[in-house]
Amino acid sequence: MRSLARNKQKIYYALYGGKEEIRDEWGNLTGESHLTYGDPVEYRINVSAARGTADVEQFGINANYTKTMVTNDLSCPIDETTRLWIGIEPTKPHNYVVVSVAKSINSITYAIREVSVT
């Protein structure tokens, strides 16, 4: 499957950077950590409309996702740990996360879920 340029829309993604340990005001480790992400990167990809029941469930019956994204760029770095901004600017909190990735010979399909981040 090839992606038509006219079907692509602009999104932003931030790749997972790792865990950073939290220190208290005296510089001691607290035993807690928080996740770090890289800077948001602009990308153009085909994003589906909201998923419906008439579609074939390629990620399984119980997969919890609201949309899919498809690209024929096999070097796309997006994976299950990536944060997404779809329809909003990256100055706001992210509004989607990747649930699953399905790679084929010619394309990559991503199952994504809308999240609410404060």
Protein backbone atom coordinates (compact mmCIF):
# COMPACT_ATOMS: atom_id res chain seq x y z
CA MET A 1 0.00 0.00 0.00
CA ARG A 2 1.35 3.39 -0.96
CA SER A 3 0.53 6.62 0.82
CA LEU A 4 -0.79 9.47 -1.31
CA ALA A 5 0.67 12.86 -0.39
CA ARG A 6 -2.80 14.43 -0.44
CA ASN A 7 -3.99 12.00 2.27
CA LYS A 8 -1.19 12.85 4.67
CA GLN A 9 -1.58 15.31 7.51
CA LYS A 10 0.92 17.05 9.73
CA ILE A 11 1.52 15.52 13.14
CA TYR A 12 4.26 15.85 15.71
CA TYR A 13 5.96 13.00 17.55
CA ALA A 14 8.41 12.80 20.44
CA LEU A 15 10.57 9.72 20.92
CA TYR A 16 11.16 8.13 24.31
CA GLY A 17 14.45 9.23 25.84
CA GLY A 18 14.61 7.07 28.95
CA LYS A 19 14.04 7.35 32.69
CA GLU A 20 15.54 10.10 34.80
CA GLU A 21 15.91 9.57 38.52
CA ILE A 22 14.42 12.23 40.75
CA ARG A 23 16.56 13.84 43.43
CA ASP A 24 15.35 15.78 46.47
CA GLU A 25 16.45 19.30 47.41
CA TRP A 26 19.65 17.91 49.00
CA GLY A 27 20.65 15.94 45.91
CA ASN A 28 19.68 12.52 47.28
CA LEU A 29 17.91 9.97 45.09
CA THR A 30 14.26 9.59 46.05
CA GLY A 31 13.77 6.17 44.43
CA GLU A 32 11.29 7.70 41.97
CA SER A 33 11.84 8.46 38.31
CA HIS A 34 10.09 10.20 35.47
CA LEU A 35 10.12 9.49 31.74
CA THR A 36 11.98 11.80 29.38
CA TYR A 37 11.18 12.45 25.73
CA GLY A 38 12.99 14.20 22.90
CA ASP A 39 11.79 17.38 21.26
CA PRO A 40 8.66 17.09 19.07
CA VAL A 41 9.42 16.45 15.39
CA GLU A 42 7.05 17.33 12.54
CA TYR A 43 6.01 14.42 10.30
CA ARG A 44 3.43 13.88 7.55
CA ILE A 45 1.45 10.63 7.71
CA ASN A 46 -1.95 9.21 6.77
CA VAL A 47 -4.22 9.31 9.86
CA SER A 48 -7.55 7.50 9.69
CA ALA A 49 -10.86 8.85 10.82
CA ALA A 50 -12.18 7.55 14.14
CA ARG A 51 -12.37 3.79 14.05
CA GLY A 52 -15.71 2.14 13.43
CA THR A 53 -17.16 -1.32 13.78
CA ALA A 54 -17.33 -1.97 10.03
CA ASP A 55 -13.52 -2.01 9.71
CA VAL A 56 -11.37 -5.10 9.85
CA GLU A 57 -9.67 -5.26 13.24
CA GLN A 58 -6.08 -5.79 12.25
CA PHE A 59 -4.77 -5.38 15.81
CA GLY A 60 -7.25 -7.80 17.37
CA ILE A 61 -10.69 -7.59 18.88
CA ASN A 62 -9.71 -6.28 22.32
CA ALA A 63 -7.08 -3.74 21.21
CA ASN A 64 -7.92 -0.36 22.70
CA TYR A 65 -7.23 2.18 19.96
CA THR A 66 -9.19 5.04 18.43
CA LYS A 67 -7.41 5.68 15.11
CA THR A 68 -4.74 4.24 12.87
CA MET A 69 -1.82 5.83 11.06
CA VAL A 70 -0.23 4.37 7.93
CA THR A 71 3.06 5.21 6.25
CA ASN A 72 5.15 3.63 3.51
CA ASP A 73 8.31 5.14 5.03
CA LEU A 74 9.85 2.00 6.54
CA SER A 75 12.49 4.10 8.33
CA CYS A 76 9.84 5.92 10.39
CA PRO A 77 11.15 5.90 14.00
CA ILE A 78 7.72 5.95 15.71
CA ASP A 79 7.22 3.01 18.11
CA GLU A 80 5.07 1.97 21.09
CA THR A 81 6.75 4.46 23.43
CA THR A 82 6.16 7.54 21.24
CA ARG A 83 3.98 10.52 22.18
CA LEU A 84 1.90 12.16 19.41
CA TRP A 85 0.31 15.54 18.78
CA ILE A 86 -2.45 15.21 16.18
CA GLY A 87 -4.50 18.26 15.25
CA ILE A 88 -2.78 20.41 17.89
CA GLU A 89 0.55 22.19 18.23
CA PRO A 90 3.31 20.63 20.36
CA THR A 91 3.19 23.57 22.76
CA LYS A 92 0.21 21.78 24.36
CA PRO A 93 0.34 18.38 26.12
CA HIS A 94 0.34 15.36 23.78
CA ASN A 95 -3.08 13.96 22.86
CA TYR A 96 -2.27 10.50 21.43
CA VAL A 97 -0.03 7.55 22.24
CA VAL A 98 0.95 4.57 20.09
CA VAL A 99 -0.69 1.32 21.20
CA SER A 100 0.68 -1.12 18.64
CA VAL A 101 2.83 -1.27 15.50
CA ALA A 102 2.20 -3.61 12.55
CA LYS A 103 5.00 -3.71 9.97
CA SER A 104 4.60 -5.27 6.55
CA ILE A 105 6.86 -5.42 3.51
CA ASN A 106 5.69 -2.07 2.10
CA SER A 107 4.12 -0.15 4.99
CA ILE A 108 3.82 0.38 8.72
CA THR A 109 0.43 0.69 10.44
CA TYR A 110 0.18 2.23 13.90
CA ALA A 111 -2.77 1.78 16.26
CA ILE A 112 -3.08 4.99 18.30
CA ARG A 113 -5.23 5.93 21.29
CA GLU A 114 -6.39 9.36 22.36
CA VAL A 115 -5.32 10.34 25.86
CA SER A 116 -6.11 13.20 28.17
CA VAL A 117 -3.02 14.80 29.72
CA THR A 118 -3.19 17.65 32.20
